[in-house]
Amino acid sequence: MQHQEKHFTGSQVVRDIVIGMSDGLTVPFALTAGMTGAVNSNTIIITAGIAEIIAGSIAMGLGGYMAGQTDYEHYYAERKREYQEVERIPEFEKKEIRDILSEYGISEQNQYIFTDDLSKNKDKWVDFMMRFELGLEKPELNRARNSALTIAMAYITGGLIPLLPYFLTSTPISGLYFSIAITLTALLIFGYYKSKLTGQSPLSGAFKTAIIGTIAGTAAFLIARLIT
């Protein structure tokens, strides 16, 4: 029988979706809940909600882009430094390879054999040091752009869910009741599948995500009520 590895490999994309979706569900939900406690107009809530979703998606997307760009620049700055080190202090770098191998229980004889073979190819040598010495993986091509788009779209998708009922109801309080129902449902589903994909307890993840959204929305509503 052929063995199939069942490791999850889409961690970066999932991370971006989680970042955008979790904030997209909770922040606009808290905003609409808070405004429901302060104003008596669905039009105002919808206008404010759309403005927040647009601003939030841009801010979150730019944050994702900057984070991705920083990772890219950091990786290649370290890679350039590593090339300089294997040129200037090759024996020290070889010792670092042997030190890494010793941590994995490789015998001293095999450490020297492996190091001598690896050091014949500087590109592979640097690749090894980047991964096992510095713990850095090569960034994907267009990672910053893709991260920005994924986070922004996930934020917009999540943000429209709590806002949608206000388009379909005549009063803010009616909109809030429906918003609570569909947002909590969305949070439970989102938390469940997010946890399942990342190897955590799906039920625990679902309830944790829903609780966070509930706390945010309740706090916003009560504060707005107290102020007004």
C-alpha atoms as a PDB file:
ATOM      1  CA  MET A   1       0.000   0.000   0.000  1.00  0.00           C
ATOM      2  CA  GLN A   2       1.188   3.477  -0.821  1.00  0.00           C
ATOM      3  CA  HIS A   3       1.498   5.703   2.224  1.00  0.00           C
ATOM      4  CA  GLN A   4       0.047   9.201   1.897  1.00  0.00           C
ATOM      5  CA  GLU A   5       1.214  12.015   4.159  1.00  0.00           C
ATOM      6  CA  LYS A   6      -1.670  14.056   5.565  1.00  0.00           C
ATOM      7  CA  HIS A   7       0.117  17.243   6.541  1.00  0.00           C
ATOM      8  CA  PHE A   8      -1.593  20.590   6.130  1.00  0.00           C
ATOM      9  CA  THR A   9       0.404  22.815   3.743  1.00  0.00           C
ATOM     10  CA  GLY A  10      -1.764  25.917   3.280  1.00  0.00           C
ATOM     11  CA  SER A  11      -0.866  27.598   6.556  1.00  0.00           C
ATOM     12  CA  GLN A  12      -0.017  31.025   5.109  1.00  0.00           C
ATOM     13  CA  VAL A  13      -3.244  31.366   3.138  1.00  0.00           C
ATOM     14  CA  VAL A  14      -5.297  30.074   6.050  1.00  0.00           C
ATOM     15  CA  ARG A  15      -3.527  32.490   8.388  1.00  0.00           C
ATOM     16  CA  ASP A  16      -4.472  35.409   6.128  1.00  0.00           C
ATOM     17  CA  ILE A  17      -8.077  34.242   5.856  1.00  0.00           C
ATOM     18  CA  VAL A  18      -8.266  33.826   9.631  1.00  0.00           C
ATOM     19  CA  ILE A  19      -6.843  37.307  10.230  1.00  0.00           C
ATOM     20  CA  GLY A  20      -9.231  38.969   7.782  1.00  0.00           C
ATOM     21  CA  MET A  21     -12.311  36.899   8.560  1.00  0.00           C
ATOM     22  CA  SER A  22     -12.039  37.031  12.348  1.00  0.00           C
ATOM     23  CA  ASP A  23     -11.659  40.813  12.387  1.00  0.00           C
ATOM     24  CA  GLY A  24     -14.232  41.193   9.605  1.00  0.00           C
ATOM     25  CA  LEU A  25     -16.837  39.332  11.619  1.00  0.00           C
ATOM     26  CA  THR A  26     -16.146  40.872  15.034  1.00  0.00           C
ATOM     27  CA  VAL A  27     -15.284  44.532  14.350  1.00  0.00           C
ATOM     28  CA  PRO A  28     -18.260  45.434  12.083  1.00  0.00           C
ATOM     29  CA  PHE A  29     -20.503  43.340  14.354  1.00  0.00           C
ATOM     30  CA  ALA A  30     -19.348  45.336  17.369  1.00  0.00           C
ATOM     31  CA  LEU A  31     -19.781  48.586  15.414  1.00  0.00           C
ATOM     32  CA  THR A  32     -23.323  47.821  14.273  1.00  0.00           C
ATOM     33  CA  ALA A  33     -24.290  46.571  17.721  1.00  0.00           C
ATOM     34  CA  GLY A  34     -22.890  49.708  19.312  1.00  0.00           C
ATOM     35  CA  MET A  35     -24.634  51.980  16.845  1.00  0.00           C
ATOM     36  CA  THR A  36     -27.897  50.123  17.394  1.00  0.00           C
ATOM     37  CA  GLY A  37     -27.668  51.185  20.998  1.00  0.00           C
ATOM     38  CA  ALA A  38     -27.011  54.807  20.014  1.00  0.00           C
ATOM     39  CA  VAL A  39     -29.078  55.652  16.920  1.00  0.00           C
ATOM     40  CA  ASN A  40     -32.532  54.854  15.561  1.00  0.00           C
ATOM     41  CA  SER A  41     -31.799  54.680  11.854  1.00  0.00           C
ATOM     42  CA  ASN A  42     -30.822  51.686   9.743  1.00  0.00           C
ATOM     43  CA  THR A  43     -29.496  54.058   7.074  1.00  0.00           C
ATOM     44  CA  ILE A  44     -26.939  55.543   9.458  1.00  0.00           C
ATOM     45  CA  ILE A  45     -25.859  52.103  10.650  1.00  0.00           C
ATOM     46  CA  ILE A  46     -25.521  50.813   7.076  1.00  0.00           C
ATOM     47  CA  THR A  47     -23.536  53.884   6.007  1.00  0.00           C
ATOM     48  CA  ALA A  48     -21.210  53.631   8.987  1.00  0.00           C
ATOM     49  CA  GLY A  49     -20.894  49.870   8.528  1.00  0.00           C
ATOM     50  CA  ILE A  50     -19.946  50.121   4.855  1.00  0.00           C
ATOM     51  CA  ALA A  51     -17.443  52.884   5.615  1.00  0.00           C
ATOM     52  CA  GLU A  52     -15.878  50.756   8.343  1.00  0.00           C
ATOM     53  CA  ILE A  53     -15.676  47.682   6.134  1.00  0.00           C
ATOM     54  CA  ILE A  54     -13.962  49.656   3.364  1.00  0.00           C
ATOM     55  CA  ALA A  55     -11.545  51.367   5.742  1.00  0.00           C
ATOM     56  CA  GLY A  56     -10.924  48.175   7.698  1.00  0.00           C
ATOM     57  CA  SER A  57     -10.239  46.058   4.622  1.00  0.00           C
ATOM     58  CA  ILE A  58      -7.775  48.638   3.282  1.00  0.00           C
ATOM     59  CA  ALA A  59      -6.007  48.937   6.640  1.00  0.00           C
ATOM     60  CA  MET A  60      -5.871  45.182   7.155  1.00  0.00           C
ATOM     61  CA  GLY A  61      -4.763  44.577   3.568  1.00  0.00           C
ATOM     62  CA  LEU A  62      -1.986  47.147   3.814  1.00  0.00           C
ATOM     63  CA  GLY A  63      -0.925  45.619   7.105  1.00  0.00           C
ATOM     64  CA  GLY A  64      -0.706  42.215   5.449  1.00  0.00           C
ATOM     65  CA  TYR A  65       1.239  43.670   2.523  1.00  0.00           C
ATOM     66  CA  MET A  66       3.744  45.399   4.782  1.00  0.00           C
ATOM     67  CA  ALA A  67       4.199  42.259   6.865  1.00  0.00           C
ATOM     68  CA  GLY A  68       4.780  40.167   3.744  1.00  0.00           C
ATOM     69  CA  GLN A  69       7.182  42.732   2.298  1.00  0.00           C
ATOM     70  CA  THR A  70       9.090  42.898   5.574  1.00  0.00           C
ATOM     71  CA  ASP A  71       9.445  39.095   5.606  1.00  0.00           C
ATOM     72  CA  TYR A  72      10.710  39.206   2.005  1.00  0.00           C
ATOM     73  CA  GLU A  73      13.266  41.939   2.678  1.00  0.00           C
ATOM     74  CA  HIS A  74      14.414  40.314   5.900  1.00  0.00           C
ATOM     75  CA  TYR A  75      14.925  36.943   4.222  1.00  0.00           C
ATOM     76  CA  TYR A  76      17.065  38.295   1.402  1.00  0.00           C
ATOM     77  CA  ALA A  77      19.051  40.592   3.692  1.00  0.00           C
ATOM     78  CA  GLU A  78      19.915  37.578   5.844  1.00  0.00           C
ATOM     79  CA  ARG A  79      20.656  35.487   2.749  1.00  0.00           C
ATOM     80  CA  LYS A  80      23.096  38.120   1.481  1.00  0.00           C
ATOM     81  CA  ARG A  81      24.781  38.193   4.893  1.00  0.00           C
ATOM     82  CA  GLU A  82      25.024  34.403   4.884  1.00  0.00           C
ATOM     83  CA  TYR A  83      26.749  34.413   1.470  1.00  0.00           C
ATOM     84  CA  GLN A  84      29.271  36.901   2.832  1.00  0.00           C
ATOM     85  CA  GLU A  85      29.927  34.697   5.849  1.00  0.00           C
ATOM     86  CA  VAL A  86      30.575  31.517   3.849  1.00  0.00           C
ATOM     87  CA  GLU A  87      33.035  33.538   1.772  1.00  0.00           C
ATOM     88  CA  ARG A  88      34.852  35.223   4.671  1.00  0.00           C
ATOM     89  CA  ILE A  89      34.682  32.632   7.454  1.00  0.00           C
ATOM     90  CA  PRO A  90      33.976  29.267   5.799  1.00  0.00           C
ATOM     91  CA  GLU A  91      35.484  27.162   8.591  1.00  0.00           C
ATOM     92  CA  PHE A  92      33.313  28.821  11.208  1.00  0.00           C
ATOM     93  CA  GLU A  93      30.241  28.273   9.040  1.00  0.00           C
ATOM     94  CA  LYS A  94      31.205  24.616   8.585  1.00  0.00           C
ATOM     95  CA  LYS A  95      31.429  24.253  12.337  1.00  0.00           C
ATOM     96  CA  GLU A  96      27.909  25.683  12.593  1.00  0.00           C
ATOM     97  CA  ILE A  97      26.705  22.986  10.200  1.00  0.00           C
ATOM     98  CA  ARG A  98      28.315  20.295  12.359  1.00  0.00           C
ATOM     99  CA  ASP A  99      26.775  21.822  15.489  1.00  0.00           C
ATOM    100  CA  ILE A 100      23.333  21.673  13.866  1.00  0.00           C
ATOM    101  CA  LEU A 101      23.845  18.060  12.790  1.00  0.00           C
ATOM    102  CA  SER A 102      25.010  17.080  16.277  1.00  0.00           C
ATOM    103  CA  GLU A 103      21.674  18.271  17.660  1.00  0.00           C
ATOM    104  CA  TYR A 104      20.023  15.608  15.487  1.00  0.00           C
ATOM    105  CA  GLY A 105      22.322  12.862  16.806  1.00  0.00           C
ATOM    106  CA  ILE A 106      24.473  12.600  13.665  1.00  0.00           C
ATOM    107  CA  SER A 107      27.840  10.987  14.368  1.00  0.00           C
ATOM    108  CA  GLU A 108      30.949  13.163  14.190  1.00  0.00           C
ATOM    109  CA  GLN A 109      32.316  11.253  11.211  1.00  0.00           C
ATOM    110  CA  ASN A 110      29.131  11.741   9.239  1.00  0.00           C
ATOM    111  CA  GLN A 111      29.016  15.385  10.280  1.00  0.00           C
ATOM    112  CA  TYR A 112      32.323  16.008   8.517  1.00  0.00           C
ATOM    113  CA  ILE A 113      31.301  13.983   5.453  1.00  0.00           C
ATOM    114  CA  PHE A 114      28.006  15.845   5.113  1.00  0.00           C
ATOM    115  CA  THR A 115      29.617  19.258   5.718  1.00  0.00           C
ATOM    116  CA  ASP A 116      32.360  18.689   3.154  1.00  0.00           C
ATOM    117  CA  ASP A 117      29.829  17.623   0.513  1.00  0.00           C
ATOM    118  CA  LEU A 118      27.421  20.449   1.244  1.00  0.00           C
ATOM    119  CA  SER A 119      30.099  23.156   1.233  1.00  0.00           C
ATOM    120  CA  LYS A 120      30.983  22.325  -2.382  1.00  0.00           C
ATOM    121  CA  ASN A 121      27.772  24.045  -3.480  1.00  0.00           C
ATOM    122  CA  LYS A 122      27.499  27.523  -1.986  1.00  0.00           C
ATOM    123  CA  ASP A 123      23.852  27.977  -2.958  1.00  0.00           C
ATOM    124  CA  LYS A 124      22.831  24.757  -1.192  1.00  0.00           C
ATOM    125  CA  TRP A 125      25.133  25.636   1.696  1.00  0.00           C
ATOM    126  CA  VAL A 126      23.393  28.967   2.174  1.00  0.00           C
ATOM    127  CA  ASP A 127      19.979  27.338   1.768  1.00  0.00           C
ATOM    128  CA  PHE A 128      20.853  24.946   4.582  1.00  0.00           C
ATOM    129  CA  MET A 129      22.017  27.739   6.878  1.00  0.00           C
ATOM    130  CA  MET A 130      18.956  29.847   6.169  1.00  0.00           C
ATOM    131  CA  ARG A 131      16.621  27.014   7.106  1.00  0.00           C
ATOM    132  CA  PHE A 132      18.426  25.240   9.927  1.00  0.00           C
ATOM    133  CA  GLU A 133      20.517  28.015  11.484  1.00  0.00           C
ATOM    134  CA  LEU A 134      18.176  30.985  11.096  1.00  0.00           C
ATOM    135  CA  GLY A 135      14.862  29.140  10.762  1.00  0.00           C
ATOM    136  CA  LEU A 136      13.870  31.183   7.697  1.00  0.00           C
ATOM    137  CA  GLU A 137      11.919  29.825   4.741  1.00  0.00           C
ATOM    138  CA  LYS A 138      12.100  31.393   1.286  1.00  0.00           C
ATOM    139  CA  PRO A 139       9.079  33.702   0.815  1.00  0.00           C
ATOM    140  CA  GLU A 140       6.661  32.803  -1.944  1.00  0.00           C
ATOM    141  CA  LEU A 141       6.659  34.922  -5.083  1.00  0.00           C
ATOM    142  CA  ASN A 142       4.175  37.826  -4.734  1.00  0.00           C
ATOM    143  CA  ARG A 143       3.524  36.761  -1.139  1.00  0.00           C
ATOM    144  CA  ALA A 144       2.985  40.351   0.062  1.00  0.00           C
ATOM    145  CA  ARG A 145       0.448  41.158  -2.677  1.00  0.00           C
ATOM    146  CA  ASN A 146      -1.435  37.890  -2.273  1.00  0.00           C
ATOM    147  CA  SER A 147      -1.525  38.294   1.493  1.00  0.00           C
ATOM    148  CA  ALA A 148      -2.944  41.800   1.185  1.00  0.00           C
ATOM    149  CA  LEU A 149      -5.687  40.704  -1.224  1.00  0.00           C
ATOM    150  CA  THR A 150      -6.604  37.616   0.810  1.00  0.00           C
ATOM    151  CA  ILE A 151      -6.866  39.521   4.086  1.00  0.00           C
ATOM    152  CA  ALA A 152      -8.838  42.380   2.519  1.00  0.00           C
ATOM    153  CA  MET A 153     -11.323  40.094   0.758  1.00  0.00           C
ATOM    154  CA  ALA A 154     -11.773  37.951   3.873  1.00  0.00           C
ATOM    155  CA  TYR A 155     -12.409  41.101   5.907  1.00  0.00           C
ATOM    156  CA  ILE A 156     -15.038  42.346   3.435  1.00  0.00           C
ATOM    157  CA  THR A 157     -16.741  38.940   3.353  1.00  0.00           C
ATOM    158  CA  GLY A 158     -16.816  38.722   7.127  1.00  0.00           C
ATOM    159  CA  GLY A 159     -17.898  42.338   7.550  1.00  0.00           C
ATOM    160  CA  LEU A 160     -20.926  42.070   5.286  1.00  0.00           C
ATOM    161  CA  ILE A 161     -22.428  39.245   7.342  1.00  0.00           C
ATOM    162  CA  PRO A 162     -23.391  41.276  10.450  1.00  0.00           C
ATOM    163  CA  LEU A 163     -24.376  44.261   8.303  1.00  0.00           C
ATOM    164  CA  LEU A 164     -26.713  42.402   5.920  1.00  0.00           C
ATOM    165  CA  PRO A 165     -29.772  42.232   8.267  1.00  0.00           C
ATOM    166  CA  TYR A 166     -29.907  46.028   8.480  1.00  0.00           C
ATOM    167  CA  PHE A 167     -30.643  46.126   4.745  1.00  0.00           C
ATOM    168  CA  LEU A 168     -33.600  43.787   5.247  1.00  0.00           C
ATOM    169  CA  THR A 169     -35.232  45.138   8.416  1.00  0.00           C
ATOM    170  CA  SER A 170     -37.029  48.372   9.216  1.00  0.00           C
ATOM    171  CA  THR A 171     -35.599  49.141  12.666  1.00  0.00           C
ATOM    172  CA  PRO A 172     -32.107  48.885  14.156  1.00  0.00           C
ATOM    173  CA  ILE A 173     -33.180  46.617  16.998  1.00  0.00           C
ATOM    174  CA  SER A 174     -34.747  44.150  14.535  1.00  0.00           C
ATOM    175  CA  GLY A 175     -31.599  44.280  12.476  1.00  0.00           C
ATOM    176  CA  LEU A 176     -29.538  43.601  15.601  1.00  0.00           C
ATOM    177  CA  TYR A 177     -31.504  40.480  16.499  1.00  0.00           C
ATOM    178  CA  PHE A 178     -31.003  38.992  13.041  1.00  0.00           C
ATOM    179  CA  SER A 179     -27.392  40.202  12.981  1.00  0.00           C
ATOM    180  CA  ILE A 180     -26.678  38.405  16.252  1.00  0.00           C
ATOM    181  CA  ALA A 181     -28.192  35.179  14.912  1.00  0.00           C
ATOM    182  CA  ILE A 182     -26.335  35.048  11.597  1.00  0.00           C
ATOM    183  CA  THR A 183     -23.059  36.438  12.975  1.00  0.00           C
ATOM    184  CA  LEU A 184     -22.901  33.888  15.787  1.00  0.00           C
ATOM    185  CA  THR A 185     -23.734  31.148  13.287  1.00  0.00           C
ATOM    186  CA  ALA A 186     -20.968  32.406  10.994  1.00  0.00           C
ATOM    187  CA  LEU A 187     -18.516  32.617  13.910  1.00  0.00           C
ATOM    188  CA  LEU A 188     -19.312  29.061  14.978  1.00  0.00           C
ATOM    189  CA  ILE A 189     -18.868  27.713  11.423  1.00  0.00           C
ATOM    190  CA  PHE A 190     -15.728  29.773  10.856  1.00  0.00           C
ATOM    191  CA  GLY A 191     -14.194  28.743  14.182  1.00  0.00           C
ATOM    192  CA  TYR A 192     -15.059  25.095  13.576  1.00  0.00           C
ATOM    193  CA  TYR A 193     -13.404  24.826  10.161  1.00  0.00           C
ATOM    194  CA  LYS A 194     -10.477  27.049  11.099  1.00  0.00           C
ATOM    195  CA  SER A 195      -9.650  24.763  14.014  1.00  0.00           C
ATOM    196  CA  LYS A 196     -10.235  21.625  11.956  1.00  0.00           C
ATOM    197  CA  LEU A 197      -7.824  22.770   9.250  1.00  0.00           C
ATOM    198  CA  THR A 198      -5.127  23.639  11.769  1.00  0.00           C
ATOM    199  CA  GLY A 199      -5.425  20.386  13.706  1.00  0.00           C
ATOM    200  CA  GLN A 200      -7.121  21.793  16.806  1.00  0.00           C
ATOM    201  CA  SER A 201     -10.378  20.785  18.460  1.00  0.00           C
ATOM    202  CA  PRO A 202     -13.132  21.991  16.069  1.00  0.00           C
ATOM    203  CA  LEU A 203     -15.811  22.350  18.729  1.00  0.00           C
ATOM    204  CA  SER A 204     -13.529  24.192  21.123  1.00  0.00           C
ATOM    205  CA  GLY A 205     -12.389  26.509  18.327  1.00  0.00           C
ATOM    206  CA  ALA A 206     -15.982  27.182  17.271  1.00  0.00           C
ATOM    207  CA  PHE A 207     -17.097  28.186  20.763  1.00  0.00           C
ATOM    208  CA  LYS A 208     -13.990  30.275  21.449  1.00  0.00           C
ATOM    209  CA  THR A 209     -14.503  32.243  18.242  1.00  0.00           C
ATOM    210  CA  ALA A 210     -18.203  32.774  18.978  1.00  0.00           C
ATOM    211  CA  ILE A 211     -17.490  33.881  22.559  1.00  0.00           C
ATOM    212  CA  ILE A 212     -14.985  36.502  21.397  1.00  0.00           C
ATOM    213  CA  GLY A 213     -17.506  37.935  18.926  1.00  0.00           C
ATOM    214  CA  THR A 214     -20.254  37.913  21.549  1.00  0.00           C
ATOM    215  CA  ILE A 215     -18.109  39.764  24.078  1.00  0.00           C
ATOM    216  CA  ALA A 216     -17.108  42.401  21.506  1.00  0.00           C
ATOM    217  CA  GLY A 217     -20.680  43.000  20.339  1.00  0.00           C
ATOM    218  CA  THR A 218     -22.159  43.063  23.840  1.00  0.00           C
ATOM    219  CA  ALA A 219     -19.529  45.465  25.127  1.00  0.00           C
ATOM    220  CA  ALA A 220     -20.060  47.844  22.212  1.00  0.00           C
ATOM    221  CA  PHE A 221     -23.853  47.782  22.619  1.00  0.00           C
ATOM    222  CA  LEU A 222     -23.763  48.368  26.390  1.00  0.00           C
ATOM    223  CA  ILE A 223     -21.205  51.166  26.162  1.00  0.00           C
ATOM    224  CA  ALA A 224     -23.290  52.923  23.506  1.00  0.00           C
ATOM    225  CA  ARG A 225     -26.382  52.563  25.698  1.00  0.00           C
ATOM    226  CA  LEU A 226     -24.574  54.005  28.695  1.00  0.00           C
ATOM    227  CA  ILE A 227     -23.230  56.980  26.759  1.00  0.00           C
ATOM    228  CA  THR A 228     -26.550  57.804  25.136  1.00  0.00           C
END
